[in-house]
Amino acid sequence: MAKTKVFVSFDYDHDERLKIYLIGQSRNEDSPFSLADWSIKEHIDDNWKAHARRRIRSVDVLCVLCGRHTDTATGVSAEVRIAQEEGVPYFLLAGYSEGGNVKPRAARDSDRLYRWTWPNLKNLIGGSR
């Protein structure tokens, strides 16, 4: 069975370690997903957004790792907007169990912030949202 291809969006300046944790989970024997890791730390301009759009179109789902500063991460909001425009499903994952996680500004009011557990992650990847 083919694994679900996931694009991960995160605040590069504050939450890179969250991406590292997610990479680790993608390597679990029972992982239903593989990561499309195209993390780029560069100025966000129209050219960058075009590259991100092509990348997001090529995945099955976008996973947004939400930390304490995600609301100020312009790259995360740009990627969420692209997913919304392209009809690519996405979900918001709370990066820190102790709380303080915030949604990106581009998230809809109805977008739920899910607790990051292995069972939850597998369900979210599988479309339960």
N, C-alpha and C. Protein backbone atom coordinates (compact mmCIF):
# COMPACT_ATOMS: atom_id res chain seq x y z
N MET A 1 0.84 -1.18 0.00
CA MET A 1 0.00 0.00 0.00
C MET A 1 0.89 1.25 0.00
N ALA A 2 0.57 2.19 -0.86
CA ALA A 2 1.36 3.43 -0.96
C ALA A 2 1.12 4.29 0.27
N LYS A 3 2.18 4.93 0.72
CA LYS A 3 2.08 5.82 1.87
C LYS A 3 1.54 7.17 1.43
N THR A 4 0.83 7.82 2.32
CA THR A 4 0.31 9.15 2.09
C THR A 4 1.48 10.13 2.07
N LYS A 5 1.52 10.95 1.05
CA LYS A 5 2.61 11.93 0.92
C LYS A 5 2.19 13.22 1.62
N VAL A 6 3.01 13.65 2.58
CA VAL A 6 2.68 14.78 3.44
C VAL A 6 3.70 15.91 3.25
N PHE A 7 3.19 17.11 3.06
CA PHE A 7 4.02 18.32 3.08
C PHE A 7 3.94 18.87 4.49
N VAL A 8 5.06 19.15 5.09
CA VAL A 8 5.07 19.69 6.45
C VAL A 8 5.40 21.18 6.42
N SER A 9 4.56 21.95 7.10
CA SER A 9 4.74 23.39 7.19
C SER A 9 4.99 23.72 8.66
N PHE A 10 6.01 24.54 8.91
CA PHE A 10 6.36 24.87 10.29
C PHE A 10 7.12 26.19 10.30
N ASP A 11 7.20 26.78 11.47
CA ASP A 11 7.93 28.03 11.68
C ASP A 11 9.42 27.70 11.74
N TYR A 12 10.12 27.98 10.65
CA TYR A 12 11.53 27.61 10.52
C TYR A 12 12.40 28.25 11.61
N ASP A 13 12.05 29.43 12.03
CA ASP A 13 12.87 30.14 13.01
C ASP A 13 12.70 29.62 14.44
N HIS A 14 11.56 28.99 14.73
CA HIS A 14 11.29 28.58 16.11
C HIS A 14 11.02 27.09 16.31
N ASP A 15 10.59 26.40 15.28
CA ASP A 15 10.07 25.05 15.48
C ASP A 15 10.70 23.98 14.60
N GLU A 16 11.94 24.18 14.18
CA GLU A 16 12.57 23.18 13.32
C GLU A 16 12.65 21.82 14.01
N ARG A 17 12.81 21.81 15.32
CA ARG A 17 12.89 20.52 16.03
C ARG A 17 11.60 19.73 15.92
N LEU A 18 10.47 20.43 15.79
CA LEU A 18 9.20 19.72 15.61
C LEU A 18 9.22 18.92 14.31
N LYS A 19 9.79 19.53 13.27
CA LYS A 19 9.90 18.82 12.00
C LYS A 19 10.77 17.59 12.16
N ILE A 20 11.84 17.70 12.92
CA ILE A 20 12.73 16.56 13.15
C ILE A 20 11.98 15.43 13.85
N TYR A 21 11.14 15.78 14.82
CA TYR A 21 10.33 14.75 15.49
C TYR A 21 9.38 14.07 14.51
N LEU A 22 8.77 14.87 13.63
CA LEU A 22 7.84 14.30 12.66
C LEU A 22 8.57 13.40 11.67
N ILE A 23 9.76 13.78 11.27
CA ILE A 23 10.57 12.93 10.40
C ILE A 23 10.80 11.59 11.08
N GLY A 24 11.12 11.63 12.36
CA GLY A 24 11.31 10.39 13.11
C GLY A 24 10.08 9.51 13.10
N GLN A 25 8.91 10.10 13.28
CA GLN A 25 7.68 9.32 13.26
C GLN A 25 7.39 8.77 11.87
N SER A 26 7.78 9.48 10.84
CA SER A 26 7.54 8.99 9.48
C SER A 26 8.37 7.72 9.20
N ARG A 27 9.40 7.51 10.00
CA ARG A 27 10.27 6.34 9.83
C ARG A 27 9.83 5.14 10.65
N ASN A 28 8.78 5.32 11.47
CA ASN A 28 8.26 4.18 12.23
C ASN A 28 7.81 3.08 11.29
N GLU A 29 7.96 1.86 11.72
CA GLU A 29 7.60 0.72 10.89
C GLU A 29 6.14 0.76 10.45
N ASP A 30 5.26 1.24 11.33
CA ASP A 30 3.83 1.26 11.01
C ASP A 30 3.36 2.63 10.51
N SER A 31 4.29 3.47 10.07
CA SER A 31 3.93 4.80 9.60
C SER A 31 3.15 4.73 8.28
N PRO A 32 2.00 5.42 8.23
CA PRO A 32 1.21 5.44 7.00
C PRO A 32 1.59 6.58 6.06
N PHE A 33 2.67 7.30 6.36
CA PHE A 33 2.99 8.47 5.57
C PHE A 33 4.48 8.62 5.32
N SER A 34 4.77 9.38 4.28
CA SER A 34 6.15 9.80 4.01
C SER A 34 6.12 11.31 3.89
N LEU A 35 7.22 11.94 4.28
CA LEU A 35 7.28 13.39 4.25
C LEU A 35 7.91 13.90 2.98
N ALA A 36 7.28 14.93 2.44
CA ALA A 36 7.87 15.68 1.33
C ALA A 36 8.51 16.88 2.00
N ASP A 37 9.78 16.78 2.30
CA ASP A 37 10.46 17.82 3.07
C ASP A 37 11.18 18.77 2.13
N TRP A 38 10.53 19.89 1.86
CA TRP A 38 11.11 20.90 0.98
C TRP A 38 11.31 22.19 1.74
N SER A 39 11.74 22.08 2.95
CA SER A 39 11.91 23.27 3.77
C SER A 39 12.90 24.23 3.12
N ILE A 40 12.48 25.46 3.01
CA ILE A 40 13.31 26.49 2.41
C ILE A 40 13.30 27.69 3.34
N LYS A 41 14.46 28.18 3.66
CA LYS A 41 14.52 29.41 4.46
C LYS A 41 15.05 30.50 3.55
N GLU A 42 14.14 31.20 2.96
CA GLU A 42 14.50 32.31 2.09
C GLU A 42 13.38 33.32 2.12
N HIS A 43 13.65 34.49 1.60
CA HIS A 43 12.65 35.54 1.55
C HIS A 43 11.44 35.04 0.76
N ILE A 44 10.27 35.30 1.28
CA ILE A 44 9.04 34.88 0.61
C ILE A 44 8.65 35.92 -0.41
N ASP A 45 8.77 35.56 -1.67
CA ASP A 45 8.34 36.43 -2.76
C ASP A 45 7.49 35.59 -3.70
N ASP A 46 7.06 36.17 -4.81
CA ASP A 46 6.19 35.44 -5.72
C ASP A 46 6.86 34.20 -6.28
N ASN A 47 8.16 34.25 -6.54
CA ASN A 47 8.87 33.09 -7.06
C ASN A 47 8.85 31.95 -6.04
N TRP A 48 9.10 32.26 -4.79
CA TRP A 48 9.06 31.26 -3.73
C TRP A 48 7.69 30.61 -3.64
N LYS A 49 6.67 31.45 -3.73
CA LYS A 49 5.30 30.95 -3.63
C LYS A 49 4.96 30.02 -4.80
N ALA A 50 5.46 30.31 -5.98
CA ALA A 50 5.22 29.44 -7.13
C ALA A 50 5.86 28.07 -6.91
N HIS A 51 7.07 28.05 -6.35
CA HIS A 51 7.72 26.77 -6.03
C HIS A 51 6.93 26.02 -4.97
N ALA A 52 6.49 26.73 -3.94
CA ALA A 52 5.71 26.10 -2.87
C ALA A 52 4.40 25.55 -3.42
N ARG A 53 3.76 26.29 -4.32
CA ARG A 53 2.49 25.84 -4.90
C ARG A 53 2.68 24.52 -5.65
N ARG A 54 3.74 24.42 -6.44
CA ARG A 54 3.99 23.16 -7.17
C ARG A 54 4.21 22.01 -6.20
N ARG A 55 4.94 22.28 -5.15
CA ARG A 55 5.23 21.24 -4.16
C ARG A 55 3.97 20.81 -3.42
N ILE A 56 3.16 21.76 -3.03
CA ILE A 56 1.94 21.45 -2.28
C ILE A 56 0.95 20.70 -3.16
N ARG A 57 0.88 21.06 -4.43
CA ARG A 57 -0.01 20.34 -5.36
C ARG A 57 0.35 18.86 -5.48
N SER A 58 1.62 18.53 -5.24
CA SER A 58 2.09 17.16 -5.47
C SER A 58 1.90 16.23 -4.28
N VAL A 59 1.34 16.73 -3.18
CA VAL A 59 1.18 15.89 -1.99
C VAL A 59 -0.30 15.57 -1.76
N ASP A 60 -0.52 14.65 -0.83
CA ASP A 60 -1.89 14.26 -0.48
C ASP A 60 -2.48 15.14 0.62
N VAL A 61 -1.62 15.65 1.50
CA VAL A 61 -2.10 16.44 2.64
C VAL A 61 -0.96 17.33 3.15
N LEU A 62 -1.35 18.47 3.73
CA LEU A 62 -0.38 19.38 4.33
C LEU A 62 -0.57 19.33 5.85
N CYS A 63 0.51 19.10 6.57
CA CYS A 63 0.51 19.07 8.03
C CYS A 63 1.17 20.34 8.53
N VAL A 64 0.45 21.13 9.31
CA VAL A 64 0.98 22.36 9.86
C VAL A 64 1.36 22.10 11.32
N LEU A 65 2.65 22.19 11.61
CA LEU A 65 3.14 22.03 12.97
C LEU A 65 3.04 23.38 13.66
N CYS A 66 2.15 23.50 14.62
CA CYS A 66 1.88 24.79 15.27
C CYS A 66 2.63 24.90 16.58
N GLY A 67 3.41 25.95 16.69
CA GLY A 67 4.14 26.25 17.91
C GLY A 67 3.65 27.55 18.51
N ARG A 68 4.50 28.16 19.29
CA ARG A 68 4.11 29.37 20.03
C ARG A 68 4.17 30.64 19.20
N HIS A 69 4.78 30.60 18.02
CA HIS A 69 4.92 31.80 17.19
C HIS A 69 4.38 31.59 15.78
N THR A 70 3.62 30.53 15.58
CA THR A 70 3.13 30.20 14.24
C THR A 70 2.28 31.31 13.65
N ASP A 71 1.63 32.08 14.49
CA ASP A 71 0.79 33.16 13.98
C ASP A 71 1.60 34.28 13.33
N THR A 72 2.90 34.33 13.59
CA THR A 72 3.74 35.36 12.97
C THR A 72 4.62 34.81 11.85
N ALA A 73 4.51 33.52 11.57
CA ALA A 73 5.32 32.89 10.53
C ALA A 73 4.65 33.08 9.17
N THR A 74 5.14 34.06 8.41
CA THR A 74 4.50 34.38 7.12
C THR A 74 4.58 33.22 6.13
N GLY A 75 5.64 32.44 6.18
CA GLY A 75 5.77 31.31 5.27
C GLY A 75 4.72 30.25 5.53
N VAL A 76 4.44 30.00 6.80
CA VAL A 76 3.41 29.01 7.16
C VAL A 76 2.05 29.48 6.64
N SER A 77 1.72 30.74 6.88
CA SER A 77 0.43 31.25 6.39
C SER A 77 0.35 31.19 4.87
N ALA A 78 1.44 31.48 4.19
CA ALA A 78 1.45 31.40 2.72
C ALA A 78 1.17 29.97 2.27
N GLU A 79 1.79 29.00 2.93
CA GLU A 79 1.58 27.60 2.54
C GLU A 79 0.15 27.15 2.84
N VAL A 80 -0.42 27.59 3.95
CA VAL A 80 -1.81 27.26 4.27
C VAL A 80 -2.74 27.87 3.23
N ARG A 81 -2.50 29.13 2.85
CA ARG A 81 -3.34 29.77 1.82
C ARG A 81 -3.26 29.02 0.49
N ILE A 82 -2.06 28.59 0.14
CA ILE A 82 -1.89 27.83 -1.11
C ILE A 82 -2.69 26.53 -1.04
N ALA A 83 -2.58 25.82 0.07
CA ALA A 83 -3.35 24.57 0.23
C ALA A 83 -4.85 24.85 0.10
N GLN A 84 -5.32 25.92 0.71
CA GLN A 84 -6.74 26.29 0.62
C GLN A 84 -7.13 26.56 -0.83
N GLU A 85 -6.31 27.34 -1.54
CA GLU A 85 -6.60 27.68 -2.94
C GLU A 85 -6.57 26.47 -3.85
N GLU A 86 -5.67 25.55 -3.56
CA GLU A 86 -5.50 24.37 -4.42
C GLU A 86 -6.39 23.20 -4.01
N GLY A 87 -7.12 23.35 -2.93
CA GLY A 87 -7.99 22.27 -2.47
C GLY A 87 -7.24 21.09 -1.87
N VAL A 88 -6.03 21.34 -1.40
CA VAL A 88 -5.25 20.29 -0.75
C VAL A 88 -5.65 20.26 0.72
N PRO A 89 -6.09 19.10 1.22
CA PRO A 89 -6.48 19.05 2.62
C PRO A 89 -5.29 19.33 3.54
N TYR A 90 -5.58 19.90 4.69
CA TYR A 90 -4.53 20.19 5.66
C TYR A 90 -5.09 20.03 7.06
N PHE A 91 -4.18 19.90 8.02
CA PHE A 91 -4.59 19.87 9.42
C PHE A 91 -3.52 20.56 10.25
N LEU A 92 -3.94 21.03 11.41
CA LEU A 92 -3.08 21.77 12.33
C LEU A 92 -2.75 20.87 13.52
N LEU A 93 -1.48 20.69 13.78
CA LEU A 93 -1.02 19.81 14.85
C LEU A 93 -0.33 20.64 15.93
N ALA A 94 -0.79 20.49 17.18
CA ALA A 94 -0.20 21.22 18.30
C ALA A 94 1.20 20.67 18.56
N GLY A 95 2.19 21.51 18.39
CA GLY A 95 3.58 21.07 18.48
C GLY A 95 4.07 20.79 19.89
N TYR A 96 3.53 21.48 20.87
CA TYR A 96 4.04 21.36 22.23
C TYR A 96 2.94 20.90 23.18
N SER A 97 3.18 19.82 23.89
CA SER A 97 2.16 19.25 24.77
C SER A 97 1.85 20.15 25.96
N GLU A 98 2.79 21.02 26.34
CA GLU A 98 2.55 21.90 27.48
C GLU A 98 1.71 23.13 27.11
N GLY A 99 1.33 23.26 25.85
CA GLY A 99 0.43 24.33 25.44
C GLY A 99 1.14 25.53 24.84
N GLY A 100 0.36 26.58 24.62
CA GLY A 100 0.89 27.81 24.03
C GLY A 100 0.94 27.78 22.52
N ASN A 101 0.43 26.72 21.89
CA ASN A 101 0.44 26.59 20.44
C ASN A 101 -0.61 27.51 19.83
N VAL A 102 -0.25 28.16 18.73
CA VAL A 102 -1.18 29.07 18.06
C VAL A 102 -1.30 28.69 16.59
N LYS A 103 -2.46 28.99 16.04
CA LYS A 103 -2.72 28.72 14.63
C LYS A 103 -2.04 29.77 13.75
N PRO A 104 -1.74 29.40 12.50
CA PRO A 104 -1.26 30.42 11.57
C PRO A 104 -2.40 31.39 11.25
N ARG A 105 -2.04 32.60 10.87
CA ARG A 105 -3.07 33.61 10.57
C ARG A 105 -3.99 33.20 9.43
N ALA A 106 -3.49 32.42 8.50
CA ALA A 106 -4.30 32.01 7.35
C ALA A 106 -5.27 30.88 7.68
N ALA A 107 -5.16 30.30 8.86
CA ALA A 107 -6.09 29.23 9.23
C ALA A 107 -7.51 29.78 9.35
N ARG A 108 -8.44 28.94 9.03
CA ARG A 108 -9.84 29.33 9.17
C ARG A 108 -10.25 29.21 10.65
N ASP A 109 -11.26 29.97 11.03
CA ASP A 109 -11.77 29.89 12.40
C ASP A 109 -12.19 28.46 12.74
N SER A 110 -12.71 27.76 11.74
CA SER A 110 -13.20 26.40 11.96
C SER A 110 -12.08 25.35 12.00
N ASP A 111 -10.85 25.72 11.66
CA ASP A 111 -9.74 24.77 11.69
C ASP A 111 -9.40 24.42 13.13
N ARG A 112 -9.42 23.15 13.41
CA ARG A 112 -9.15 22.67 14.75
C ARG A 112 -7.65 22.43 14.94
N LEU A 113 -7.16 22.68 16.13
CA LEU A 113 -5.77 22.40 16.49
C LEU A 113 -5.76 21.06 17.23
N TYR A 114 -5.19 20.04 16.59
CA TYR A 114 -5.22 18.68 17.14
C TYR A 114 -4.02 18.39 18.03
N ARG A 115 -4.25 17.59 19.05
CA ARG A 115 -3.18 17.13 19.94
C ARG A 115 -2.28 16.16 19.19
N TRP A 116 -0.98 16.30 19.36
CA TRP A 116 0.00 15.48 18.66
C TRP A 116 0.28 14.21 19.46
N THR A 117 -0.40 13.15 19.07
CA THR A 117 -0.12 11.81 19.58
C THR A 117 0.03 10.92 18.36
N TRP A 118 0.69 9.81 18.52
CA TRP A 118 0.87 8.90 17.39
C TRP A 118 -0.48 8.42 16.84
N PRO A 119 -1.41 7.97 17.70
CA PRO A 119 -2.72 7.56 17.15
C PRO A 119 -3.44 8.71 16.43
N ASN A 120 -3.42 9.92 17.02
CA ASN A 120 -4.06 11.07 16.36
C ASN A 120 -3.42 11.36 15.02
N LEU A 121 -2.09 11.37 14.98
CA LEU A 121 -1.39 11.68 13.74
C LEU A 121 -1.76 10.68 12.65
N LYS A 122 -1.77 9.40 12.98
CA LYS A 122 -2.13 8.39 11.97
C LYS A 122 -3.56 8.59 11.49
N ASN A 123 -4.49 8.92 12.39
CA ASN A 123 -5.87 9.17 12.00
C ASN A 123 -5.99 10.41 11.12
N LEU A 124 -5.28 11.48 11.48
CA LEU A 124 -5.33 12.71 10.70
C LEU A 124 -4.76 12.49 9.29
N ILE A 125 -3.66 11.77 9.20
CA ILE A 125 -3.06 11.45 7.90
C ILE A 125 -4.05 10.65 7.07
N GLY A 126 -4.80 9.77 7.75
CA GLY A 126 -5.78 8.92 7.07
C GLY A 126 -7.06 9.65 6.68
N GLY A 127 -7.19 10.92 7.04
CA GLY A 127 -8.34 11.70 6.62
C GLY A 127 -9.38 11.96 7.70
N SER A 128 -9.16 11.48 8.92
CA SER A 128 -10.12 11.72 10.01
C SER A 128 -9.90 13.11 10.59
N ARG A 129 -10.65 14.07 10.06
CA ARG A 129 -10.58 15.41 10.60
C ARG A 129 -11.93 16.08 10.42
